Amino acid sequence: MIRKGKDCYRRKMEHQLQQNNICGVWKGLKTISGFKEPKSQPVGDQGLLLTSHQVRNALKKNRARKAAGPDGISSRLLKSCADQLCGIFGYTFNLSLKLGRVPQLWKTSCIIPVPKTPHPKELNSYRPVALTSHLMKMLERLVLAHLHLHGPAAVRSPTSLTSRGG
């Protein structure tokens, strides 16, 4: 009985992928994972709390043609499914901020050698490019935007980090 249900669900997901219905796939994943949108945002002194609207805007600002990082999540998928994913990623980002931890995969990168010349003949003809998680970059941008608005003046000043004495 359970096996039949899993097979039926697998076929449904495969059909949605073949039809290029990525949003339908994500809706299905939210359903089987049991994720529910929070009814209201928690109130109180909890530090930075990201809203679904902020996360949705950050998802939509992704450049669709960027290479996926080590987590394999493409920026095109994040951008095209922003409305469906903003709740789950908002929850994940807020949990990460609350716990003060990020998933290990978000902290890793994949180094890709990119040739400097059309036909490289030696190792010095390559430059390293680090592919990192789009989700981590997005969380960093959201935190930085919050710091620019609400942080100390030293953080808000664009020259503060480069003009330190010492």
Protein backbone atom coordinates (compact mmCIF):
# COMPACT_ATOMS: atom_id res chain seq x y z
CA MET A 1 0.00 0.00 0.00
CA ILE A 2 2.75 2.47 0.96
CA ARG A 3 4.88 1.32 -1.96
CA LYS A 4 1.99 2.01 -4.37
CA GLY A 5 1.57 5.50 -2.91
CA LYS A 6 5.29 6.23 -3.28
CA ASP A 7 5.31 4.95 -6.87
CA CYS A 8 2.25 7.05 -7.73
CA TYR A 9 3.85 10.14 -6.18
CA ARG A 10 7.16 9.48 -7.96
CA ARG A 11 5.37 9.23 -11.31
CA LYS A 12 3.50 12.47 -10.59
CA MET A 13 6.77 14.29 -9.76
CA GLU A 14 8.50 12.87 -12.85
CA HIS A 15 5.59 14.03 -15.00
CA GLN A 16 5.78 17.53 -13.52
CA LEU A 17 9.53 17.65 -14.14
CA GLN A 18 9.07 16.46 -17.72
CA GLN A 19 6.48 19.21 -18.22
CA ASN A 20 9.02 21.69 -16.76
CA ASN A 21 6.58 22.47 -13.92
CA ILE A 22 9.17 23.31 -11.27
CA CYS A 23 6.67 25.24 -9.16
CA GLY A 24 4.43 22.16 -8.98
CA VAL A 25 7.39 20.07 -7.82
CA TRP A 26 8.14 22.53 -5.01
CA LYS A 27 4.49 22.60 -3.95
CA GLY A 28 4.59 18.81 -3.77
CA LEU A 29 7.75 18.90 -1.66
CA LYS A 30 6.16 21.38 0.72
CA THR A 31 3.15 19.07 1.01
CA ILE A 32 5.09 15.89 1.79
CA SER A 33 7.48 17.71 4.17
CA GLY A 34 4.54 19.07 6.17
CA PHE A 35 5.70 22.70 5.92
CA LYS A 36 3.00 25.21 6.85
CA GLU A 37 3.25 28.97 6.48
CA PRO A 38 3.35 30.61 9.91
CA LYS A 39 0.08 32.43 10.68
CA SER A 40 1.87 35.41 12.18
CA GLN A 41 5.40 36.51 12.80
CA PRO A 42 6.68 36.14 16.38
CA VAL A 43 6.79 39.36 18.35
CA GLY A 44 9.42 40.40 20.85
CA ASP A 45 13.13 41.02 21.11
CA GLN A 46 14.36 38.26 18.86
CA GLY A 47 16.94 40.19 16.86
CA LEU A 48 16.72 40.12 13.10
CA LEU A 49 13.52 38.54 11.79
CA LEU A 50 13.10 38.26 8.02
CA THR A 51 9.65 38.49 6.46
CA SER A 52 8.34 36.39 3.59
CA HIS A 53 8.15 39.58 1.54
CA GLN A 54 11.87 40.30 2.06
CA VAL A 55 12.80 36.72 1.16
CA ARG A 56 10.51 36.75 -1.92
CA ASN A 57 12.15 39.97 -3.17
CA ALA A 58 15.63 38.51 -2.59
CA LEU A 59 14.66 35.35 -4.49
CA LYS A 60 13.34 37.39 -7.40
CA LYS A 61 16.57 39.43 -7.56
CA ASN A 62 18.65 36.32 -8.30
CA ARG A 63 20.42 36.40 -11.63
CA ALA A 64 18.93 33.46 -13.50
CA ARG A 65 22.03 32.59 -15.52
CA LYS A 66 24.46 32.05 -12.63
CA ALA A 67 25.96 28.59 -12.05
CA ALA A 68 24.67 26.50 -9.16
CA GLY A 69 26.85 26.10 -6.08
CA PRO A 70 27.72 22.89 -4.23
CA ASP A 71 24.11 22.48 -3.08
CA GLY A 72 23.04 22.07 -6.73
CA ILE A 73 20.21 24.63 -6.43
CA SER A 74 20.06 26.77 -9.55
CA SER A 75 19.37 30.49 -9.37
CA ARG A 76 16.85 30.10 -12.19
CA LEU A 77 14.76 27.76 -10.06
CA LEU A 78 14.95 30.10 -7.05
CA LYS A 79 13.88 33.06 -9.16
CA SER A 80 11.05 31.32 -11.00
CA CYS A 81 9.59 29.75 -7.83
CA ALA A 82 10.04 32.73 -5.51
CA ASP A 83 6.37 32.83 -4.51
CA GLN A 84 6.33 29.15 -3.56
CA LEU A 85 9.74 29.11 -1.83
CA CYS A 86 9.69 32.36 0.16
CA GLY A 87 7.88 30.79 3.12
CA ILE A 88 10.12 27.77 3.56
CA PHE A 89 13.34 29.71 3.02
CA GLY A 90 12.13 32.54 5.26
CA TYR A 91 11.55 29.96 7.99
CA THR A 92 14.98 28.39 7.32
CA PHE A 93 16.76 31.76 7.33
CA ASN A 94 15.05 32.87 10.56
CA LEU A 95 15.85 29.56 12.24
CA SER A 96 19.47 29.92 11.13
CA LEU A 97 19.65 33.46 12.53
CA LYS A 98 17.96 32.42 15.77
CA LEU A 99 20.34 29.48 16.31
CA GLY A 100 23.39 31.37 15.07
CA ARG A 101 24.26 28.54 12.68
CA VAL A 102 24.06 27.91 8.95
CA PRO A 103 23.96 24.55 7.16
CA GLN A 104 27.42 23.18 6.43
CA LEU A 105 26.68 22.92 2.71
CA TRP A 106 26.06 26.67 2.58
CA LYS A 107 29.57 27.27 3.92
CA THR A 108 31.32 25.16 1.29
CA SER A 109 32.34 26.18 -2.20
CA CYS A 110 33.35 24.42 -5.37
CA ILE A 111 36.52 25.78 -7.00
CA ILE A 112 36.38 25.78 -10.80
CA PRO A 113 39.49 26.58 -12.87
CA VAL A 114 38.58 29.09 -15.58
CA PRO A 115 41.04 29.63 -18.44
CA LYS A 116 42.43 33.14 -18.84
CA THR A 117 43.34 32.53 -22.48
CA PRO A 118 41.49 30.62 -25.23
CA HIS A 119 43.98 27.72 -25.29
CA PRO A 120 45.74 27.45 -21.92
CA LYS A 121 48.97 25.47 -21.86
CA GLU A 122 50.06 25.83 -18.24
CA LEU A 123 48.48 26.06 -14.78
CA ASN A 124 49.10 29.81 -14.51
CA SER A 125 46.75 30.27 -17.47
CA TYR A 126 43.78 29.50 -15.19
CA ARG A 127 42.10 31.57 -12.50
CA PRO A 128 40.09 29.97 -9.69
CA VAL A 129 36.38 30.75 -9.39
CA ALA A 130 34.55 29.69 -6.23
CA LEU A 131 30.93 28.62 -6.69
CA THR A 132 29.00 29.14 -3.47
CA SER A 133 25.38 28.52 -2.47
CA HIS A 134 22.87 31.05 -3.80
CA LEU A 135 20.93 30.63 -0.56
CA MET A 136 23.91 31.63 1.57
CA LYS A 137 24.62 34.66 -0.61
CA MET A 138 20.96 35.64 -0.34
CA LEU A 139 20.98 35.34 3.47
CA GLU A 140 24.17 37.42 3.60
CA ARG A 141 22.57 40.14 1.44
CA LEU A 142 19.44 40.21 3.63
CA VAL A 143 21.51 40.54 6.83
CA LEU A 144 23.70 43.23 5.25
CA ALA A 145 20.62 45.21 4.14
CA HIS A 146 19.30 45.01 7.72
CA LEU A 147 22.63 46.20 9.10
CA HIS A 148 22.74 49.10 6.65
CA LEU A 149 19.32 50.25 7.88
CA HIS A 150 19.50 49.45 11.59
CA GLY A 151 23.15 48.87 12.45
CA PRO A 152 25.69 51.23 13.96
CA ALA A 153 26.92 54.14 11.84
CA ALA A 154 30.23 52.33 11.22
CA VAL A 155 28.35 49.57 9.40
CA ARG A 156 26.15 51.99 7.46
CA SER A 157 29.07 53.97 6.06
CA PRO A 158 30.31 52.46 2.77
CA THR A 159 33.88 53.58 3.49
CA SER A 160 34.02 52.48 7.13
CA LEU A 161 35.50 49.06 6.41
CA THR A 162 38.23 50.37 4.13
CA SER A 163 39.28 53.45 6.09
CA ARG A 164 40.10 51.91 9.45
CA GLY A 165 43.24 53.06 11.13
CA GLY A 166 45.78 50.62 12.43
